[in-house]
C-alpha atoms as a PDB file:
ATOM      1  CA  UNK A   1       0.016  -0.112  -0.203  1.00  0.00           C
ATOM      2  CA  UNK A   2       1.251   3.438  -0.743  1.00  0.00           C
ATOM      3  CA  UNK A   3       1.825   5.271   2.280  1.00  0.00           C
ATOM      4  CA  UNK A   4       0.451   8.520   0.859  1.00  0.00           C
ATOM      5  CA  UNK A   5      -2.914   6.912   0.290  1.00  0.00           C
ATOM      6  CA  UNK A   6      -2.984   5.541   3.562  1.00  0.00           C
ATOM      7  CA  UNK A   7      -2.091   8.855   5.556  1.00  0.00           C
ATOM      8  CA  UNK A   8      -3.787  11.523   2.950  1.00  0.00           C
ATOM      9  CA  UNK A   9      -7.208  11.096   1.612  1.00  0.00           C
ATOM     10  CA  UNK A  10      -6.680  11.981  -2.240  1.00  0.00           C
ATOM     11  CA  UNK A  11      -9.794  14.039  -2.962  1.00  0.00           C
ATOM     12  CA  UNK A  12      -9.703  16.387   0.158  1.00  0.00           C
ATOM     13  CA  UNK A  13      -5.871  17.048  -0.445  1.00  0.00           C
ATOM     14  CA  UNK A  14      -6.475  17.662  -4.171  1.00  0.00           C
ATOM     15  CA  UNK A  15      -9.044  20.179  -3.364  1.00  0.00           C
ATOM     16  CA  UNK A  16      -6.666  22.120  -0.974  1.00  0.00           C
ATOM     17  CA  UNK A  17      -3.613  21.989  -3.237  1.00  0.00           C
ATOM     18  CA  UNK A  18      -5.762  23.211  -6.138  1.00  0.00           C
ATOM     19  CA  UNK A  19      -6.716  26.146  -4.153  1.00  0.00           C
ATOM     20  CA  UNK A  20      -2.871  26.607  -3.194  1.00  0.00           C
ATOM     21  CA  UNK A  21      -2.334  27.701  -6.754  1.00  0.00           C
ATOM     22  CA  UNK A  22      -3.418  31.458  -5.883  1.00  0.00           C
ATOM     23  CA  UNK A  23      -3.080  33.013  -9.499  1.00  0.00           C
ATOM     24  CA  UNK A  24      -6.076  31.025 -10.536  1.00  0.00           C
ATOM     25  CA  UNK A  25      -9.449  32.310  -9.771  1.00  0.00           C
ATOM     26  CA  UNK A  26     -11.331  29.280  -8.373  1.00  0.00           C
ATOM     27  CA  UNK A  27     -14.822  28.230  -8.198  1.00  0.00           C
ATOM     28  CA  UNK A  28     -16.703  25.095  -7.049  1.00  0.00           C
ATOM     29  CA  UNK A  29     -16.987  23.813 -10.398  1.00  0.00           C
ATOM     30  CA  UNK A  30     -13.481  24.481 -11.762  1.00  0.00           C
ATOM     31  CA  UNK A  31     -12.154  22.907  -8.361  1.00  0.00           C
ATOM     32  CA  UNK A  32     -14.431  19.851  -9.073  1.00  0.00           C
ATOM     33  CA  UNK A  33     -12.812  19.451 -12.591  1.00  0.00           C
ATOM     34  CA  UNK A  34      -9.335  20.194 -11.753  1.00  0.00           C
ATOM     35  CA  UNK A  35      -9.315  18.043  -8.527  1.00  0.00           C
ATOM     36  CA  UNK A  36     -11.334  14.908  -9.877  1.00  0.00           C
ATOM     37  CA  UNK A  37     -13.880  15.104  -7.624  1.00  0.00           C
ATOM     38  CA  UNK A  38     -17.633  15.743  -8.098  1.00  0.00           C
ATOM     39  CA  UNK A  39     -19.130  19.015  -7.872  1.00  0.00           C
ATOM     40  CA  UNK A  40     -21.447  17.851  -4.831  1.00  0.00           C
ATOM     41  CA  UNK A  41     -18.171  16.366  -3.016  1.00  0.00           C
ATOM     42  CA  UNK A  42     -16.472  19.789  -3.477  1.00  0.00           C
ATOM     43  CA  UNK A  43     -19.189  22.038  -2.200  1.00  0.00           C
ATOM     44  CA  UNK A  44     -19.576  19.875   0.749  1.00  0.00           C
ATOM     45  CA  UNK A  45     -16.042  19.664   1.594  1.00  0.00           C
ATOM     46  CA  UNK A  46     -15.684  23.395   0.944  1.00  0.00           C
ATOM     47  CA  UNK A  47     -18.403  24.148   3.396  1.00  0.00           C
ATOM     48  CA  UNK A  48     -16.325  22.141   5.926  1.00  0.00           C
ATOM     49  CA  UNK A  49     -13.200  24.050   5.080  1.00  0.00           C
ATOM     50  CA  UNK A  50     -15.291  27.457   5.488  1.00  0.00           C
ATOM     51  CA  UNK A  51     -16.217  26.136   9.013  1.00  0.00           C
ATOM     52  CA  UNK A  52     -12.699  25.462   9.708  1.00  0.00           C
ATOM     53  CA  UNK A  53     -11.615  28.970   8.822  1.00  0.00           C
ATOM     54  CA  UNK A  54      -9.564  27.580   5.828  1.00  0.00           C
ATOM     55  CA  UNK A  55     -11.338  29.258   2.891  1.00  0.00           C
ATOM     56  CA  UNK A  56     -13.303  32.035   2.161  1.00  0.00           C
ATOM     57  CA  UNK A  57     -15.927  32.630  -0.592  1.00  0.00           C
ATOM     58  CA  UNK A  58     -16.542  35.905  -2.363  1.00  0.00           C
ATOM     59  CA  UNK A  59     -19.695  36.644  -4.438  1.00  0.00           C
ATOM     60  CA  UNK A  60     -19.170  38.274  -7.772  1.00  0.00           C
ATOM     61  CA  UNK A  61     -22.252  38.654  -9.582  1.00  0.00           C
ATOM     62  CA  UNK A  62     -23.590  35.434 -10.101  1.00  0.00           C
ATOM     63  CA  UNK A  63     -20.327  33.550  -9.412  1.00  0.00           C
ATOM     64  CA  UNK A  64     -19.070  32.547  -6.165  1.00  0.00           C
ATOM     65  CA  UNK A  65     -15.341  32.519  -5.925  1.00  0.00           C
ATOM     66  CA  UNK A  66     -13.406  30.550  -3.203  1.00  0.00           C
ATOM     67  CA  UNK A  67      -9.928  31.125  -1.892  1.00  0.00           C
ATOM     68  CA  UNK A  68      -7.674  30.043   0.991  1.00  0.00           C
ATOM     69  CA  UNK A  69      -7.501  32.117   4.127  1.00  0.00           C
ATOM     70  CA  UNK A  70      -4.040  32.922   6.020  1.00  0.00           C
ATOM     71  CA  UNK A  71      -4.720  29.896   7.921  1.00  0.00           C
ATOM     72  CA  UNK A  72      -5.593  27.634   4.971  1.00  0.00           C
ATOM     73  CA  UNK A  73      -2.405  28.809   3.072  1.00  0.00           C
ATOM     74  CA  UNK A  74      -0.426  27.622   5.899  1.00  0.00           C
ATOM     75  CA  UNK A  75      -2.098  24.163   5.935  1.00  0.00           C
ATOM     76  CA  UNK A  76      -1.835  23.923   2.033  1.00  0.00           C
ATOM     77  CA  UNK A  77       1.987  24.570   2.111  1.00  0.00           C
ATOM     78  CA  UNK A  78       2.300  21.925   4.705  1.00  0.00           C
ATOM     79  CA  UNK A  79       0.075  19.670   3.078  1.00  0.00           C
ATOM     80  CA  UNK A  80       2.077  20.268  -0.273  1.00  0.00           C
ATOM     81  CA  UNK A  81       5.331  19.820   1.480  1.00  0.00           C
ATOM     82  CA  UNK A  82       4.156  16.624   3.132  1.00  0.00           C
ATOM     83  CA  UNK A  83       3.022  14.996  -0.370  1.00  0.00           C
ATOM     84  CA  UNK A  84       6.228  15.711  -1.954  1.00  0.00           C
ATOM     85  CA  UNK A  85       8.442  14.261   0.842  1.00  0.00           C
ATOM     86  CA  UNK A  86       5.907  11.173   0.664  1.00  0.00           C
ATOM     87  CA  UNK A  87       6.533  10.978  -3.398  1.00  0.00           C
ATOM     88  CA  UNK A  88      10.206  11.030  -2.932  1.00  0.00           C
ATOM     89  CA  UNK A  89      10.372   8.317  -0.086  1.00  0.00           C
ATOM     90  CA  UNK A  90      12.740   5.502  -0.595  1.00  0.00           C
ATOM     91  CA  UNK A  91      11.383   2.243  -1.495  1.00  0.00           C
ATOM     92  CA  UNK A  92      12.592  -0.649   0.883  1.00  0.00           C
ATOM     93  CA  UNK A  93      15.458  -2.859  -0.978  1.00  0.00           C
ATOM     94  CA  UNK A  94      14.286  -5.812  -2.696  1.00  0.00           C
ATOM     95  CA  UNK A  95      16.120  -8.956  -1.893  1.00  0.00           C
ATOM     96  CA  UNK A  96      17.822 -10.239  -5.046  1.00  0.00           C
ATOM     97  CA  UNK A  97      16.519 -13.523  -6.521  1.00  0.00           C
ATOM     98  CA  UNK A  98      18.392 -15.795  -8.500  1.00  0.00           C
ATOM     99  CA  UNK A  99      16.752 -17.564 -11.469  1.00  0.00           C
ATOM    100  CA  UNK A 100      15.654 -20.549  -9.506  1.00  0.00           C
ATOM    101  CA  UNK A 101      13.739 -18.158  -6.986  1.00  0.00           C
ATOM    102  CA  UNK A 102      16.148 -18.410  -4.079  1.00  0.00           C
ATOM    103  CA  UNK A 103      17.516 -15.367  -2.240  1.00  0.00           C
END
């Protein structure tokens, strides 16, 4: 089992890491597309993140944009660093096996 999948849930982390890209203008539908999650999942997760104080919404006409708060940016940076470290983790050395299947 890959440790990253065990420690971090893919969908919530994907949403937060998308939001970390501050140069993008994020909307729930765009987050769903880029994170690979459903719109319903993203809107529910964003509501939880808003309660936690990690994201804020801004209404612009009919559109509702979402961005990270200062606390959310700190968490996103830490998650990004953790994911990168887990991707570069060293795999345990495999034992050499000869042609007859012996070690």
